[in-house]
Amino acid sequence: MMMRGEKRDSEQKFTLDGQENKNSSGRGELISKSRWEGEQLIIEGTQKVTSPRGDMEVNLREVYSLSADGKTLTILSTRTTPQGERTTKQVYNKQ
């Protein structure tokens, strides 16, 4: 990943059994739990972030879904901060 003209690598690891996971990033530590709900993978957690606006807590929820034919991965990400909630949707189509 490129950030402000610099290449940055990061690696995060998650267990899929509902146990707590801790991952660090350039913005702060993410504490999360991952679990299966039917065919969807759910990741929910909290990240303490340091920014120019000060320290804050970000709540996140990510839902990963694979289409029945296995050709489309959809990721629905919701981030909640003191400034409000933001949801993004990423769709990856296998070529």
N, C-alpha and C. Protein backbone atom coordinates (compact mmCIF):
# COMPACT_ATOMS: atom_id res chain seq x y z
N MET A 1 0.84 -1.16 0.00
CA MET A 1 0.00 0.00 0.00
C MET A 1 0.89 1.23 0.00
N MET A 2 0.50 2.26 -0.74
CA MET A 2 1.22 3.53 -0.77
C MET A 2 0.46 4.54 0.08
N MET A 3 1.19 5.23 0.96
CA MET A 3 0.58 6.24 1.80
C MET A 3 1.51 7.43 1.86
N ARG A 4 1.03 8.58 1.38
CA ARG A 4 1.84 9.80 1.33
C ARG A 4 3.15 9.58 0.59
N GLY A 5 3.08 8.81 -0.48
CA GLY A 5 4.26 8.55 -1.29
C GLY A 5 5.19 7.49 -0.77
N GLU A 6 4.86 6.88 0.37
CA GLU A 6 5.71 5.85 0.95
C GLU A 6 5.00 4.51 0.88
N LYS A 7 5.79 3.46 0.60
CA LYS A 7 5.23 2.12 0.60
C LYS A 7 5.14 1.63 2.04
N ARG A 8 3.97 1.13 2.40
CA ARG A 8 3.77 0.59 3.75
C ARG A 8 3.17 -0.80 3.65
N ASP A 9 3.77 -1.71 4.36
CA ASP A 9 3.25 -3.07 4.42
C ASP A 9 2.62 -3.28 5.79
N SER A 10 1.55 -4.03 5.80
CA SER A 10 0.94 -4.39 7.09
C SER A 10 0.36 -5.79 6.97
N GLU A 11 0.30 -6.44 8.08
CA GLU A 11 -0.26 -7.79 8.13
C GLU A 11 -1.15 -7.87 9.36
N GLN A 12 -2.34 -8.39 9.16
CA GLN A 12 -3.26 -8.60 10.26
C GLN A 12 -3.70 -10.05 10.25
N LYS A 13 -3.85 -10.62 11.44
CA LYS A 13 -4.27 -12.01 11.55
C LYS A 13 -5.53 -12.08 12.41
N PHE A 14 -6.46 -12.92 11.97
CA PHE A 14 -7.73 -13.09 12.65
C PHE A 14 -8.02 -14.57 12.84
N THR A 15 -8.54 -14.94 14.01
CA THR A 15 -9.06 -16.29 14.18
C THR A 15 -10.54 -16.22 13.81
N LEU A 16 -11.13 -17.32 13.45
CA LEU A 16 -12.52 -17.31 13.00
C LEU A 16 -13.45 -18.00 13.98
N ASP A 17 -13.05 -18.03 15.25
CA ASP A 17 -13.82 -18.76 16.26
C ASP A 17 -14.43 -17.88 17.33
N GLY A 18 -14.46 -16.56 17.11
CA GLY A 18 -15.06 -15.66 18.08
C GLY A 18 -14.11 -15.20 19.18
N GLN A 19 -12.86 -15.67 19.18
CA GLN A 19 -11.90 -15.23 20.19
C GLN A 19 -11.35 -13.86 19.83
N GLU A 20 -10.89 -13.13 20.84
CA GLU A 20 -10.36 -11.79 20.63
C GLU A 20 -9.03 -11.83 19.88
N ASN A 21 -8.87 -10.90 18.94
CA ASN A 21 -7.64 -10.74 18.18
C ASN A 21 -7.13 -9.33 18.37
N LYS A 22 -5.80 -9.16 18.42
CA LYS A 22 -5.19 -7.84 18.51
C LYS A 22 -4.26 -7.67 17.33
N ASN A 23 -4.44 -6.59 16.58
CA ASN A 23 -3.61 -6.28 15.43
C ASN A 23 -3.21 -4.82 15.50
N SER A 24 -1.97 -4.53 15.17
CA SER A 24 -1.49 -3.15 15.16
C SER A 24 -1.46 -2.61 13.75
N SER A 25 -1.66 -1.30 13.66
CA SER A 25 -1.53 -0.61 12.37
C SER A 25 -0.92 0.75 12.64
N GLY A 26 -0.66 1.49 11.62
CA GLY A 26 -0.09 2.82 11.77
C GLY A 26 -1.01 3.78 12.50
N ARG A 27 -2.29 3.42 12.59
CA ARG A 27 -3.26 4.31 13.23
C ARG A 27 -3.61 3.88 14.64
N GLY A 28 -3.17 2.72 15.08
CA GLY A 28 -3.48 2.27 16.44
C GLY A 28 -3.79 0.78 16.47
N GLU A 29 -4.01 0.26 17.68
CA GLU A 29 -4.28 -1.16 17.86
C GLU A 29 -5.76 -1.47 17.63
N LEU A 30 -6.02 -2.53 16.86
CA LEU A 30 -7.38 -3.00 16.60
C LEU A 30 -7.63 -4.25 17.44
N ILE A 31 -8.67 -4.21 18.26
CA ILE A 31 -9.09 -5.37 19.03
C ILE A 31 -10.42 -5.82 18.44
N SER A 32 -10.46 -7.07 17.96
CA SER A 32 -11.65 -7.52 17.24
C SER A 32 -11.96 -8.99 17.52
N LYS A 33 -13.15 -9.38 17.10
CA LYS A 33 -13.57 -10.78 17.13
C LYS A 33 -14.17 -11.09 15.77
N SER A 34 -13.90 -12.30 15.28
CA SER A 34 -14.40 -12.74 13.97
C SER A 34 -15.21 -14.02 14.16
N ARG A 35 -16.26 -14.13 13.37
CA ARG A 35 -17.09 -15.33 13.47
C ARG A 35 -17.85 -15.52 12.16
N TRP A 36 -18.30 -16.75 11.96
CA TRP A 36 -19.15 -17.08 10.82
C TRP A 36 -20.60 -16.92 11.23
N GLU A 37 -21.39 -16.30 10.38
CA GLU A 37 -22.85 -16.25 10.51
C GLU A 37 -23.39 -16.79 9.20
N GLY A 38 -23.73 -18.07 9.20
CA GLY A 38 -24.15 -18.70 7.95
C GLY A 38 -23.02 -18.67 6.96
N GLU A 39 -23.25 -18.07 5.81
CA GLU A 39 -22.25 -17.99 4.74
C GLU A 39 -21.39 -16.72 4.82
N GLN A 40 -21.63 -15.87 5.80
CA GLN A 40 -20.91 -14.60 5.90
C GLN A 40 -19.87 -14.64 7.02
N LEU A 41 -18.74 -14.01 6.76
CA LEU A 41 -17.71 -13.82 7.78
C LEU A 41 -17.90 -12.42 8.35
N ILE A 42 -18.04 -12.33 9.68
CA ILE A 42 -18.27 -11.06 10.36
C ILE A 42 -17.06 -10.74 11.23
N ILE A 43 -16.53 -9.52 11.09
CA ILE A 43 -15.45 -9.03 11.94
C ILE A 43 -15.97 -7.76 12.61
N GLU A 44 -15.94 -7.75 13.94
CA GLU A 44 -16.37 -6.57 14.70
C GLU A 44 -15.28 -6.22 15.70
N GLY A 45 -15.03 -4.92 15.85
CA GLY A 45 -13.99 -4.54 16.79
C GLY A 45 -13.94 -3.05 17.06
N THR A 46 -12.91 -2.71 17.82
CA THR A 46 -12.68 -1.32 18.22
C THR A 46 -11.21 -1.00 18.01
N GLN A 47 -10.96 0.19 17.48
CA GLN A 47 -9.59 0.64 17.27
C GLN A 47 -9.42 2.00 17.93
N LYS A 48 -8.39 2.13 18.75
CA LYS A 48 -8.06 3.42 19.34
C LYS A 48 -7.11 4.11 18.36
N VAL A 49 -7.51 5.29 17.90
CA VAL A 49 -6.79 5.98 16.83
C VAL A 49 -6.25 7.31 17.34
N THR A 50 -5.02 7.61 16.96
CA THR A 50 -4.43 8.92 17.23
C THR A 50 -4.38 9.67 15.91
N SER A 51 -4.97 10.86 15.91
CA SER A 51 -5.01 11.67 14.69
C SER A 51 -4.73 13.13 15.03
N PRO A 52 -4.57 13.97 14.01
CA PRO A 52 -4.37 15.40 14.29
C PRO A 52 -5.53 16.01 15.09
N ARG A 53 -6.71 15.40 15.02
CA ARG A 53 -7.87 15.88 15.78
C ARG A 53 -7.87 15.36 17.22
N GLY A 54 -6.90 14.54 17.56
CA GLY A 54 -6.82 13.97 18.90
C GLY A 54 -7.08 12.47 18.88
N ASP A 55 -7.10 11.89 20.06
CA ASP A 55 -7.35 10.46 20.19
C ASP A 55 -8.85 10.20 20.12
N MET A 56 -9.22 9.09 19.50
CA MET A 56 -10.62 8.70 19.42
C MET A 56 -10.73 7.20 19.28
N GLU A 57 -11.92 6.70 19.48
CA GLU A 57 -12.20 5.28 19.35
C GLU A 57 -13.08 5.08 18.11
N VAL A 58 -12.71 4.12 17.29
CA VAL A 58 -13.46 3.79 16.08
C VAL A 58 -14.01 2.38 16.24
N ASN A 59 -15.31 2.24 16.09
CA ASN A 59 -15.93 0.92 16.09
C ASN A 59 -16.07 0.48 14.65
N LEU A 60 -15.81 -0.80 14.40
CA LEU A 60 -15.91 -1.27 13.03
C LEU A 60 -16.69 -2.58 12.96
N ARG A 61 -17.29 -2.78 11.80
CA ARG A 61 -17.98 -4.03 11.48
C ARG A 61 -17.75 -4.27 10.00
N GLU A 62 -17.22 -5.45 9.68
CA GLU A 62 -17.01 -5.83 8.29
C GLU A 62 -17.73 -7.14 8.04
N VAL A 63 -18.43 -7.20 6.91
CA VAL A 63 -19.16 -8.40 6.52
C VAL A 63 -18.63 -8.84 5.16
N TYR A 64 -18.06 -10.06 5.12
CA TYR A 64 -17.51 -10.63 3.89
C TYR A 64 -18.49 -11.67 3.36
N SER A 65 -18.87 -11.54 2.08
CA SER A 65 -19.80 -12.48 1.46
C SER A 65 -19.26 -12.92 0.11
N LEU A 66 -19.35 -14.19 -0.16
CA LEU A 66 -18.95 -14.75 -1.46
C LEU A 66 -20.21 -15.21 -2.18
N SER A 67 -20.34 -14.85 -3.44
CA SER A 67 -21.52 -15.23 -4.20
C SER A 67 -21.61 -16.75 -4.35
N ALA A 68 -22.80 -17.23 -4.65
CA ALA A 68 -23.05 -18.67 -4.76
C ALA A 68 -22.13 -19.33 -5.80
N ASP A 69 -21.82 -18.61 -6.88
CA ASP A 69 -20.95 -19.18 -7.93
C ASP A 69 -19.47 -18.99 -7.62
N GLY A 70 -19.14 -18.34 -6.49
CA GLY A 70 -17.76 -18.15 -6.08
C GLY A 70 -16.99 -17.11 -6.88
N LYS A 71 -17.69 -16.31 -7.69
CA LYS A 71 -17.00 -15.35 -8.55
C LYS A 71 -17.01 -13.91 -8.05
N THR A 72 -17.80 -13.63 -7.01
CA THR A 72 -17.89 -12.25 -6.52
C THR A 72 -17.74 -12.22 -5.00
N LEU A 73 -16.75 -11.46 -4.54
CA LEU A 73 -16.55 -11.23 -3.11
C LEU A 73 -17.02 -9.81 -2.81
N THR A 74 -17.91 -9.69 -1.83
CA THR A 74 -18.41 -8.38 -1.42
C THR A 74 -18.01 -8.14 0.04
N ILE A 75 -17.46 -6.95 0.30
CA ILE A 75 -17.07 -6.56 1.65
C ILE A 75 -17.83 -5.29 2.01
N LEU A 76 -18.66 -5.37 3.03
CA LEU A 76 -19.41 -4.23 3.53
C LEU A 76 -18.75 -3.79 4.83
N SER A 77 -18.18 -2.58 4.85
CA SER A 77 -17.44 -2.08 6.02
C SER A 77 -18.15 -0.87 6.60
N THR A 78 -18.40 -0.92 7.90
CA THR A 78 -19.01 0.21 8.60
C THR A 78 -18.07 0.66 9.70
N ARG A 79 -17.75 1.95 9.70
CA ARG A 79 -16.90 2.55 10.72
C ARG A 79 -17.72 3.61 11.44
N THR A 80 -17.70 3.56 12.77
CA THR A 80 -18.41 4.55 13.57
C THR A 80 -17.41 5.30 14.43
N THR A 81 -17.40 6.64 14.28
CA THR A 81 -16.50 7.51 15.03
C THR A 81 -17.35 8.57 15.74
N PRO A 82 -16.72 9.40 16.56
CA PRO A 82 -17.48 10.50 17.17
C PRO A 82 -18.09 11.44 16.12
N GLN A 83 -17.56 11.44 14.91
CA GLN A 83 -18.09 12.29 13.84
C GLN A 83 -19.27 11.65 13.10
N GLY A 84 -19.54 10.38 13.35
CA GLY A 84 -20.66 9.71 12.69
C GLY A 84 -20.28 8.36 12.13
N GLU A 85 -21.18 7.82 11.33
CA GLU A 85 -21.02 6.48 10.77
C GLU A 85 -20.77 6.58 9.27
N ARG A 86 -19.88 5.71 8.78
CA ARG A 86 -19.58 5.66 7.34
C ARG A 86 -19.55 4.21 6.91
N THR A 87 -20.29 3.90 5.87
CA THR A 87 -20.32 2.54 5.34
C THR A 87 -19.80 2.55 3.90
N THR A 88 -18.91 1.61 3.60
CA THR A 88 -18.41 1.46 2.24
C THR A 88 -18.66 0.02 1.78
N LYS A 89 -18.79 -0.13 0.48
CA LYS A 89 -19.02 -1.45 -0.10
C LYS A 89 -17.97 -1.66 -1.19
N GLN A 90 -17.24 -2.78 -1.08
CA GLN A 90 -16.25 -3.14 -2.09
C GLN A 90 -16.72 -4.44 -2.75
N VAL A 91 -16.65 -4.48 -4.06
CA VAL A 91 -17.07 -5.67 -4.80
C VAL A 91 -15.91 -6.10 -5.69
N TYR A 92 -15.51 -7.37 -5.55
CA TYR A 92 -14.42 -7.93 -6.34
C TYR A 92 -14.98 -9.03 -7.23
N ASN A 93 -14.79 -8.89 -8.54
CA ASN A 93 -15.30 -9.87 -9.50
C ASN A 93 -14.13 -10.67 -10.07
N LYS A 94 -14.22 -11.98 -10.02
CA LYS A 94 -13.19 -12.85 -10.57
C LYS A 94 -13.27 -12.81 -12.09
N GLN A 95 -12.13 -12.60 -12.72
CA GLN A 95 -12.08 -12.51 -14.19
C GLN A 95 -11.83 -13.86 -14.80
